[in-house]
N, C-alpha and C. Protein backbone atom coordinates (compact mmCIF):
# COMPACT_ATOMS: atom_id res chain seq x y z
N UNK A 1 -14.58 27.53 -26.90
CA UNK A 1 -15.49 26.54 -26.36
C UNK A 1 -15.19 26.34 -24.87
N UNK A 2 -16.23 26.39 -24.06
CA UNK A 2 -16.08 26.23 -22.62
C UNK A 2 -15.84 24.76 -22.28
N UNK A 3 -15.05 24.55 -21.27
CA UNK A 3 -14.77 23.19 -20.80
C UNK A 3 -15.92 22.73 -19.91
N UNK A 4 -16.42 21.52 -20.17
CA UNK A 4 -17.51 20.95 -19.36
C UNK A 4 -17.08 19.57 -18.89
N UNK A 5 -17.54 19.18 -17.71
CA UNK A 5 -17.25 17.85 -17.17
C UNK A 5 -18.54 17.24 -16.62
N UNK A 6 -18.53 15.93 -16.50
CA UNK A 6 -19.67 15.23 -15.93
C UNK A 6 -19.58 15.30 -14.42
N UNK A 7 -20.65 15.76 -13.78
CA UNK A 7 -20.73 15.86 -12.33
C UNK A 7 -21.48 14.63 -11.81
N UNK A 8 -20.77 13.76 -11.11
CA UNK A 8 -21.37 12.53 -10.60
C UNK A 8 -22.49 12.83 -9.62
N UNK A 9 -22.37 13.91 -8.86
CA UNK A 9 -23.38 14.24 -7.86
C UNK A 9 -24.70 14.63 -8.51
N UNK A 10 -24.64 15.50 -9.54
CA UNK A 10 -25.87 15.96 -10.18
C UNK A 10 -26.28 15.09 -11.37
N UNK A 11 -25.39 14.22 -11.81
CA UNK A 11 -25.62 13.33 -12.95
C UNK A 11 -25.83 14.10 -14.27
N UNK A 12 -25.11 15.24 -14.40
CA UNK A 12 -25.20 16.03 -15.64
C UNK A 12 -23.83 16.60 -16.01
N UNK A 13 -23.71 16.95 -17.25
CA UNK A 13 -22.52 17.65 -17.71
C UNK A 13 -22.69 19.12 -17.33
N UNK A 14 -21.63 19.70 -16.73
CA UNK A 14 -21.69 21.07 -16.25
C UNK A 14 -20.42 21.83 -16.62
N UNK A 15 -20.50 23.15 -16.65
CA UNK A 15 -19.29 23.94 -16.91
C UNK A 15 -18.24 23.65 -15.84
N UNK A 16 -16.98 23.54 -16.27
CA UNK A 16 -15.87 23.29 -15.35
C UNK A 16 -15.54 24.59 -14.62
N UNK A 17 -15.63 24.54 -13.30
CA UNK A 17 -15.33 25.71 -12.47
C UNK A 17 -14.35 25.30 -11.39
N UNK A 18 -13.32 26.11 -11.19
CA UNK A 18 -12.33 25.81 -10.17
C UNK A 18 -12.62 26.63 -8.91
N UNK A 19 -12.09 26.16 -7.79
CA UNK A 19 -12.27 26.89 -6.53
C UNK A 19 -11.50 28.21 -6.56
N UNK A 20 -10.33 28.19 -7.20
CA UNK A 20 -9.53 29.39 -7.39
C UNK A 20 -9.37 29.60 -8.89
N UNK A 21 -9.63 30.80 -9.37
CA UNK A 21 -9.53 31.04 -10.82
C UNK A 21 -8.15 30.64 -11.37
N UNK A 22 -8.19 29.84 -12.44
CA UNK A 22 -6.96 29.46 -13.12
C UNK A 22 -6.14 28.36 -12.45
N UNK A 23 -6.62 27.84 -11.31
CA UNK A 23 -5.87 26.81 -10.59
C UNK A 23 -6.71 25.55 -10.42
N UNK A 24 -6.08 24.39 -10.63
CA UNK A 24 -6.74 23.10 -10.46
C UNK A 24 -5.93 22.29 -9.46
N UNK A 25 -6.63 21.72 -8.49
CA UNK A 25 -6.00 20.79 -7.56
C UNK A 25 -6.55 19.41 -7.88
N UNK A 26 -5.66 18.50 -8.27
CA UNK A 26 -6.07 17.18 -8.72
C UNK A 26 -5.39 16.13 -7.83
N UNK A 27 -6.20 15.40 -7.06
CA UNK A 27 -5.70 14.32 -6.21
C UNK A 27 -6.09 13.00 -6.83
N UNK A 28 -5.10 12.13 -7.01
CA UNK A 28 -5.33 10.83 -7.63
C UNK A 28 -4.80 9.74 -6.70
N UNK A 29 -5.63 8.76 -6.39
CA UNK A 29 -5.17 7.63 -5.59
C UNK A 29 -4.10 6.89 -6.37
N UNK A 30 -2.97 6.72 -5.73
CA UNK A 30 -1.87 6.00 -6.36
C UNK A 30 -1.91 4.52 -6.03
N UNK A 31 -0.77 3.88 -6.20
CA UNK A 31 -0.69 2.43 -6.05
C UNK A 31 -0.36 2.02 -4.61
N UNK A 32 -0.80 0.82 -4.26
CA UNK A 32 -0.36 0.16 -3.03
C UNK A 32 0.84 -0.67 -3.44
N UNK A 33 2.00 -0.35 -2.89
CA UNK A 33 3.27 -0.86 -3.41
C UNK A 33 3.73 -2.12 -2.68
N UNK A 34 3.02 -3.23 -2.96
CA UNK A 34 3.39 -4.51 -2.38
C UNK A 34 3.89 -5.47 -3.46
N UNK A 35 3.81 -5.05 -4.72
CA UNK A 35 4.23 -5.90 -5.82
C UNK A 35 4.53 -5.00 -7.02
N UNK A 36 4.97 -5.61 -8.09
CA UNK A 36 5.27 -4.85 -9.30
C UNK A 36 4.00 -4.25 -9.89
N UNK A 37 4.16 -3.15 -10.57
CA UNK A 37 3.03 -2.47 -11.20
C UNK A 37 2.50 -3.31 -12.36
N UNK A 38 1.23 -3.11 -12.69
CA UNK A 38 0.62 -3.80 -13.83
C UNK A 38 -0.02 -2.78 -14.75
N UNK A 39 -0.62 -3.25 -15.83
CA UNK A 39 -1.13 -2.37 -16.86
C UNK A 39 -2.24 -1.44 -16.32
N UNK A 40 -3.01 -1.89 -15.34
CA UNK A 40 -4.04 -1.03 -14.76
C UNK A 40 -3.44 0.20 -14.07
N UNK A 41 -2.30 0.01 -13.41
CA UNK A 41 -1.62 1.15 -12.80
C UNK A 41 -1.16 2.14 -13.87
N UNK A 42 -0.63 1.58 -14.96
CA UNK A 42 -0.17 2.45 -16.06
C UNK A 42 -1.34 3.20 -16.67
N UNK A 43 -2.46 2.50 -16.86
CA UNK A 43 -3.63 3.13 -17.48
C UNK A 43 -4.09 4.33 -16.65
N UNK A 44 -4.17 4.17 -15.34
CA UNK A 44 -4.59 5.27 -14.47
C UNK A 44 -3.63 6.44 -14.59
N UNK A 45 -2.34 6.14 -14.54
CA UNK A 45 -1.34 7.21 -14.64
C UNK A 45 -1.44 7.94 -15.97
N UNK A 46 -1.61 7.22 -17.05
CA UNK A 46 -1.69 7.83 -18.38
C UNK A 46 -2.96 8.66 -18.53
N UNK A 47 -4.09 8.14 -18.06
CA UNK A 47 -5.35 8.87 -18.16
C UNK A 47 -5.26 10.22 -17.43
N UNK A 48 -4.76 10.19 -16.20
CA UNK A 48 -4.69 11.45 -15.45
C UNK A 48 -3.59 12.36 -15.98
N UNK A 49 -2.56 11.80 -16.59
CA UNK A 49 -1.55 12.61 -17.25
C UNK A 49 -2.16 13.36 -18.42
N UNK A 50 -3.01 12.69 -19.20
CA UNK A 50 -3.68 13.34 -20.33
C UNK A 50 -4.59 14.47 -19.83
N UNK A 51 -5.35 14.20 -18.77
CA UNK A 51 -6.23 15.23 -18.20
C UNK A 51 -5.40 16.43 -17.75
N UNK A 52 -4.33 16.16 -17.03
CA UNK A 52 -3.47 17.25 -16.55
C UNK A 52 -2.91 18.06 -17.71
N UNK A 53 -2.37 17.35 -18.71
CA UNK A 53 -1.78 18.06 -19.85
C UNK A 53 -2.83 18.92 -20.56
N UNK A 54 -4.04 18.41 -20.69
CA UNK A 54 -5.09 19.19 -21.34
C UNK A 54 -5.43 20.43 -20.52
N UNK A 55 -5.56 20.27 -19.22
CA UNK A 55 -5.85 21.42 -18.36
C UNK A 55 -4.74 22.47 -18.46
N UNK A 56 -3.51 22.00 -18.47
CA UNK A 56 -2.39 22.94 -18.60
C UNK A 56 -2.40 23.61 -19.98
N UNK A 57 -2.73 22.85 -21.00
CA UNK A 57 -2.86 23.41 -22.35
C UNK A 57 -3.92 24.51 -22.37
N UNK A 58 -5.00 24.29 -21.59
CA UNK A 58 -6.08 25.28 -21.53
C UNK A 58 -5.72 26.47 -20.64
N UNK A 59 -4.51 26.46 -20.05
CA UNK A 59 -4.05 27.61 -19.29
C UNK A 59 -4.16 27.49 -17.78
N UNK A 60 -4.59 26.37 -17.28
CA UNK A 60 -4.71 26.18 -15.83
C UNK A 60 -3.36 25.83 -15.23
N UNK A 61 -3.14 26.27 -14.01
CA UNK A 61 -2.00 25.80 -13.21
C UNK A 61 -2.50 24.61 -12.40
N UNK A 62 -1.88 23.45 -12.59
CA UNK A 62 -2.36 22.22 -11.98
C UNK A 62 -1.42 21.76 -10.87
N UNK A 63 -1.99 21.54 -9.70
CA UNK A 63 -1.27 20.89 -8.60
C UNK A 63 -1.78 19.45 -8.56
N UNK A 64 -0.91 18.53 -8.98
CA UNK A 64 -1.28 17.13 -9.18
C UNK A 64 -0.63 16.29 -8.08
N UNK A 65 -1.43 15.71 -7.22
CA UNK A 65 -0.93 14.91 -6.10
C UNK A 65 -1.34 13.46 -6.29
N UNK A 66 -0.37 12.55 -6.17
CA UNK A 66 -0.60 11.11 -6.28
C UNK A 66 0.03 10.45 -5.06
N UNK A 67 -0.77 9.73 -4.29
CA UNK A 67 -0.22 9.10 -3.08
C UNK A 67 0.36 7.72 -3.37
N UNK A 68 1.23 7.30 -2.48
CA UNK A 68 1.72 5.91 -2.46
C UNK A 68 1.28 5.30 -1.14
N UNK A 69 0.56 4.19 -1.20
CA UNK A 69 0.19 3.47 0.01
C UNK A 69 1.30 2.47 0.28
N UNK A 70 2.20 2.86 1.20
CA UNK A 70 3.36 2.03 1.52
C UNK A 70 3.24 1.36 2.89
N UNK A 71 2.11 1.55 3.55
CA UNK A 71 1.82 0.88 4.81
C UNK A 71 0.44 0.27 4.66
N UNK A 72 0.40 -1.06 4.63
CA UNK A 72 -0.86 -1.76 4.41
C UNK A 72 -0.60 -3.23 4.64
N UNK A 73 -1.62 -3.99 4.96
CA UNK A 73 -1.45 -5.41 5.26
C UNK A 73 -0.74 -6.17 4.14
N UNK A 74 -1.08 -5.85 2.88
CA UNK A 74 -0.45 -6.55 1.75
C UNK A 74 1.06 -6.29 1.71
N UNK A 75 1.46 -5.06 2.01
CA UNK A 75 2.88 -4.70 2.02
C UNK A 75 3.59 -5.48 3.13
N UNK A 76 2.97 -5.51 4.30
CA UNK A 76 3.57 -6.20 5.45
C UNK A 76 3.71 -7.70 5.17
N UNK A 77 2.66 -8.31 4.62
CA UNK A 77 2.70 -9.75 4.30
C UNK A 77 3.78 -10.06 3.26
N UNK A 78 3.83 -9.28 2.20
CA UNK A 78 4.81 -9.53 1.12
C UNK A 78 6.23 -9.34 1.66
N UNK A 79 6.45 -8.34 2.49
CA UNK A 79 7.78 -8.12 3.07
C UNK A 79 8.19 -9.30 3.94
N UNK A 80 7.24 -9.83 4.72
CA UNK A 80 7.53 -11.00 5.57
C UNK A 80 7.90 -12.20 4.70
N UNK A 81 7.17 -12.40 3.59
CA UNK A 81 7.47 -13.50 2.68
C UNK A 81 8.88 -13.39 2.11
N UNK A 82 9.30 -12.16 1.81
CA UNK A 82 10.60 -11.93 1.19
C UNK A 82 11.71 -11.73 2.23
N UNK A 83 11.34 -11.61 3.51
CA UNK A 83 12.34 -11.42 4.55
C UNK A 83 12.99 -10.05 4.52
N UNK A 84 12.22 -9.02 4.16
CA UNK A 84 12.74 -7.65 4.12
C UNK A 84 11.84 -6.74 4.95
N UNK A 85 12.33 -5.56 5.24
CA UNK A 85 11.52 -4.58 5.96
C UNK A 85 10.42 -4.04 5.04
N UNK A 86 9.21 -3.85 5.57
CA UNK A 86 8.10 -3.38 4.72
C UNK A 86 8.39 -2.07 3.99
N UNK A 87 8.96 -1.09 4.66
CA UNK A 87 9.21 0.19 3.98
C UNK A 87 10.29 0.07 2.91
N UNK A 88 11.25 -0.83 3.12
CA UNK A 88 12.29 -1.06 2.09
C UNK A 88 11.67 -1.72 0.86
N UNK A 89 10.80 -2.69 1.09
CA UNK A 89 10.10 -3.33 -0.02
C UNK A 89 9.29 -2.29 -0.79
N UNK A 90 8.51 -1.51 -0.07
CA UNK A 90 7.67 -0.48 -0.71
C UNK A 90 8.53 0.50 -1.50
N UNK A 91 9.64 0.93 -0.93
CA UNK A 91 10.51 1.89 -1.61
C UNK A 91 11.06 1.31 -2.92
N UNK A 92 11.37 0.02 -2.93
CA UNK A 92 11.90 -0.58 -4.16
C UNK A 92 10.83 -0.60 -5.25
N UNK A 93 9.57 -0.88 -4.88
CA UNK A 93 8.50 -0.88 -5.88
C UNK A 93 8.15 0.55 -6.33
N UNK A 94 8.27 1.50 -5.42
CA UNK A 94 8.05 2.90 -5.80
C UNK A 94 9.09 3.33 -6.82
N UNK A 95 10.37 3.02 -6.56
CA UNK A 95 11.43 3.38 -7.51
C UNK A 95 11.19 2.75 -8.88
N UNK A 96 10.79 1.47 -8.88
CA UNK A 96 10.52 0.77 -10.15
C UNK A 96 9.35 1.43 -10.88
N UNK A 97 8.28 1.75 -10.16
CA UNK A 97 7.10 2.36 -10.77
C UNK A 97 7.44 3.74 -11.33
N UNK A 98 8.22 4.51 -10.58
CA UNK A 98 8.64 5.83 -11.07
C UNK A 98 9.41 5.72 -12.39
N UNK A 99 10.31 4.73 -12.48
CA UNK A 99 11.05 4.51 -13.73
C UNK A 99 10.10 4.15 -14.87
N UNK A 100 9.11 3.32 -14.57
CA UNK A 100 8.16 2.92 -15.61
C UNK A 100 7.32 4.11 -16.09
N UNK A 101 6.94 4.99 -15.17
CA UNK A 101 6.19 6.18 -15.57
C UNK A 101 7.04 7.08 -16.46
N UNK A 102 8.31 7.20 -16.15
CA UNK A 102 9.21 7.99 -17.01
C UNK A 102 9.29 7.37 -18.40
N UNK A 103 9.38 6.03 -18.46
CA UNK A 103 9.43 5.33 -19.75
C UNK A 103 8.16 5.58 -20.57
N UNK A 104 7.03 5.78 -19.89
CA UNK A 104 5.76 6.07 -20.56
C UNK A 104 5.58 7.56 -20.86
N UNK A 105 6.58 8.35 -20.49
CA UNK A 105 6.54 9.81 -20.69
C UNK A 105 5.41 10.47 -19.90
N UNK A 106 5.07 9.92 -18.74
CA UNK A 106 4.08 10.51 -17.85
C UNK A 106 4.77 11.61 -17.05
N UNK A 107 4.18 12.80 -17.05
CA UNK A 107 4.76 13.90 -16.27
C UNK A 107 4.75 13.54 -14.78
N UNK A 108 5.81 13.89 -14.07
CA UNK A 108 5.78 13.61 -12.63
C UNK A 108 4.73 14.47 -11.95
N UNK A 109 4.09 13.89 -10.94
CA UNK A 109 3.11 14.66 -10.16
C UNK A 109 3.83 15.76 -9.41
N UNK A 110 3.08 16.74 -8.95
CA UNK A 110 3.63 17.82 -8.15
C UNK A 110 4.13 17.28 -6.83
N UNK A 111 3.43 16.29 -6.31
CA UNK A 111 3.74 15.76 -4.98
C UNK A 111 3.34 14.29 -4.91
N UNK A 112 4.12 13.52 -4.16
CA UNK A 112 3.85 12.09 -3.95
C UNK A 112 3.88 11.78 -2.45
N UNK A 113 2.84 12.09 -1.71
CA UNK A 113 2.86 11.74 -0.28
C UNK A 113 2.82 10.23 -0.10
N UNK A 114 3.49 9.76 0.94
CA UNK A 114 3.47 8.34 1.29
C UNK A 114 2.68 8.17 2.57
N UNK A 115 1.86 7.15 2.62
CA UNK A 115 1.04 6.90 3.81
C UNK A 115 1.90 6.84 5.06
N UNK A 116 3.08 6.23 4.97
CA UNK A 116 3.96 6.10 6.13
C UNK A 116 4.39 7.45 6.69
N UNK A 117 4.46 8.46 5.84
CA UNK A 117 4.89 9.79 6.26
C UNK A 117 3.72 10.64 6.75
N UNK A 118 2.51 10.18 6.54
CA UNK A 118 1.31 10.93 6.93
C UNK A 118 0.59 10.26 8.10
N UNK A 119 1.20 9.24 8.70
CA UNK A 119 0.52 8.43 9.70
C UNK A 119 0.00 9.25 10.88
N UNK A 120 0.75 10.22 11.36
CA UNK A 120 0.28 11.05 12.47
C UNK A 120 -1.01 11.77 12.13
N UNK A 121 -1.07 12.36 10.95
CA UNK A 121 -2.28 13.07 10.52
C UNK A 121 -3.44 12.11 10.30
N UNK A 122 -3.14 10.92 9.76
CA UNK A 122 -4.18 9.91 9.54
C UNK A 122 -4.78 9.47 10.88
N UNK A 123 -3.91 9.21 11.85
CA UNK A 123 -4.38 8.78 13.17
C UNK A 123 -5.19 9.87 13.86
N UNK A 124 -4.77 11.13 13.72
CA UNK A 124 -5.51 12.23 14.31
C UNK A 124 -6.90 12.36 13.67
N UNK A 125 -6.97 12.17 12.36
CA UNK A 125 -8.26 12.24 11.67
C UNK A 125 -9.18 11.12 12.14
N UNK A 126 -8.64 9.92 12.28
CA UNK A 126 -9.44 8.78 12.75
C UNK A 126 -9.93 9.03 14.18
N UNK A 127 -9.04 9.55 15.03
CA UNK A 127 -9.43 9.85 16.41
C UNK A 127 -10.57 10.87 16.43
N UNK A 128 -10.52 11.86 15.55
CA UNK A 128 -11.58 12.85 15.46
C UNK A 128 -12.90 12.24 15.03
N UNK A 129 -12.86 11.30 14.10
CA UNK A 129 -14.08 10.61 13.66
C UNK A 129 -14.68 9.81 14.81
N UNK A 130 -13.83 9.14 15.59
CA UNK A 130 -14.32 8.37 16.74
C UNK A 130 -14.92 9.31 17.78
N UNK A 131 -14.25 10.42 18.07
CA UNK A 131 -14.75 11.40 19.04
C UNK A 131 -16.11 11.95 18.64
N UNK A 132 -16.32 12.16 17.35
CA UNK A 132 -17.60 12.70 16.86
C UNK A 132 -18.67 11.62 16.75
N UNK A 133 -18.30 10.37 17.01
CA UNK A 133 -19.27 9.28 16.99
C UNK A 133 -19.62 8.77 15.61
N UNK A 134 -18.82 9.13 14.61
CA UNK A 134 -19.10 8.66 13.26
C UNK A 134 -18.21 7.49 12.87
N UNK A 135 -17.38 7.04 13.81
CA UNK A 135 -16.54 5.85 13.59
C UNK A 135 -16.41 5.13 14.93
N UNK A 136 -16.07 3.86 14.85
CA UNK A 136 -15.92 3.08 16.08
C UNK A 136 -14.83 2.03 15.88
N UNK A 137 -14.17 1.67 16.98
CA UNK A 137 -13.11 0.67 16.95
C UNK A 137 -13.70 -0.69 17.26
N UNK A 138 -13.15 -1.71 16.61
CA UNK A 138 -13.59 -3.08 16.87
C UNK A 138 -12.56 -4.09 16.39
N UNK A 139 -12.08 -4.92 17.27
CA UNK A 139 -11.12 -5.98 16.95
C UNK A 139 -9.89 -5.47 16.22
N UNK A 140 -9.38 -4.33 16.67
CA UNK A 140 -8.14 -3.79 16.10
C UNK A 140 -8.31 -2.94 14.86
N UNK A 141 -9.53 -2.76 14.40
CA UNK A 141 -9.79 -1.94 13.23
C UNK A 141 -10.74 -0.81 13.61
N UNK A 142 -10.88 0.17 12.72
CA UNK A 142 -11.82 1.26 12.92
C UNK A 142 -12.77 1.29 11.74
N UNK A 143 -14.05 1.42 12.03
CA UNK A 143 -15.09 1.38 11.00
C UNK A 143 -15.88 2.69 11.01
N UNK A 144 -16.27 3.12 9.81
CA UNK A 144 -17.09 4.32 9.66
C UNK A 144 -18.55 3.94 9.87
N UNK A 145 -19.27 4.73 10.63
CA UNK A 145 -20.71 4.48 10.85
C UNK A 145 -21.48 5.15 9.72
N UNK A 146 -21.76 4.40 8.68
CA UNK A 146 -22.39 4.98 7.51
C UNK A 146 -23.78 5.55 7.82
N UNK A 147 -24.48 4.97 8.78
CA UNK A 147 -25.82 5.45 9.13
C UNK A 147 -25.77 6.85 9.75
N UNK A 148 -24.61 7.29 10.22
CA UNK A 148 -24.48 8.60 10.85
C UNK A 148 -24.19 9.71 9.84
N UNK A 149 -24.05 9.36 8.58
CA UNK A 149 -23.75 10.34 7.54
C UNK A 149 -24.93 10.38 6.56
N UNK A 150 -25.71 11.44 6.66
CA UNK A 150 -26.91 11.56 5.81
C UNK A 150 -26.55 11.58 4.32
N UNK A 151 -25.33 12.01 3.98
CA UNK A 151 -24.92 12.09 2.57
C UNK A 151 -24.22 10.83 2.08
N UNK A 152 -24.03 9.83 2.95
CA UNK A 152 -23.31 8.64 2.54
C UNK A 152 -24.03 7.96 1.36
N UNK A 153 -23.29 7.66 0.32
CA UNK A 153 -23.86 7.01 -0.85
C UNK A 153 -24.42 7.97 -1.88
N UNK A 154 -24.35 9.27 -1.61
CA UNK A 154 -24.91 10.25 -2.54
C UNK A 154 -24.26 10.21 -3.92
N UNK A 155 -22.94 10.08 -3.96
CA UNK A 155 -22.25 10.04 -5.26
C UNK A 155 -22.59 8.78 -6.03
N UNK A 156 -22.68 7.65 -5.34
CA UNK A 156 -22.95 6.38 -6.02
C UNK A 156 -24.43 6.18 -6.29
N UNK A 157 -25.28 6.94 -5.60
CA UNK A 157 -26.71 6.77 -5.74
C UNK A 157 -27.25 5.61 -4.93
N UNK A 158 -26.43 5.11 -4.00
CA UNK A 158 -26.85 3.98 -3.16
C UNK A 158 -27.21 4.43 -1.77
N UNK A 159 -28.06 3.64 -1.12
CA UNK A 159 -28.44 3.95 0.26
C UNK A 159 -27.89 2.89 1.18
């Protein structure tokens, strides 16, 4: 039986096709580590663990990447409340979450990039968006110009 998945873009179930035969690249948004994990975090981890295990069972080689958002306003605020450095606070919650995933028998991801370690690349990407005129800076933040992207909202079906 062929594997089929729901394609949000076409709104239909379609045969599962990979970019490279036999290989799956799976990127999953991880947690923002400003507090202890909750059941929703566990649910996401377990769901994608099941998907990964099934793909591997079907013979695919899976590269599973889950990020940690360790630089964010919530992390900075919580660290200030506790009187600790933001990255130290984030690291403690990451360690705790990793232990909890092990307790749930969730396979470790192939890679766990941290936002703090990718900041140079993130800033370069944002600068490129501004240079192309599809983003703009305002009051210390950068915003995406949704009107400049003809495909914006295509997946959600919104305009």
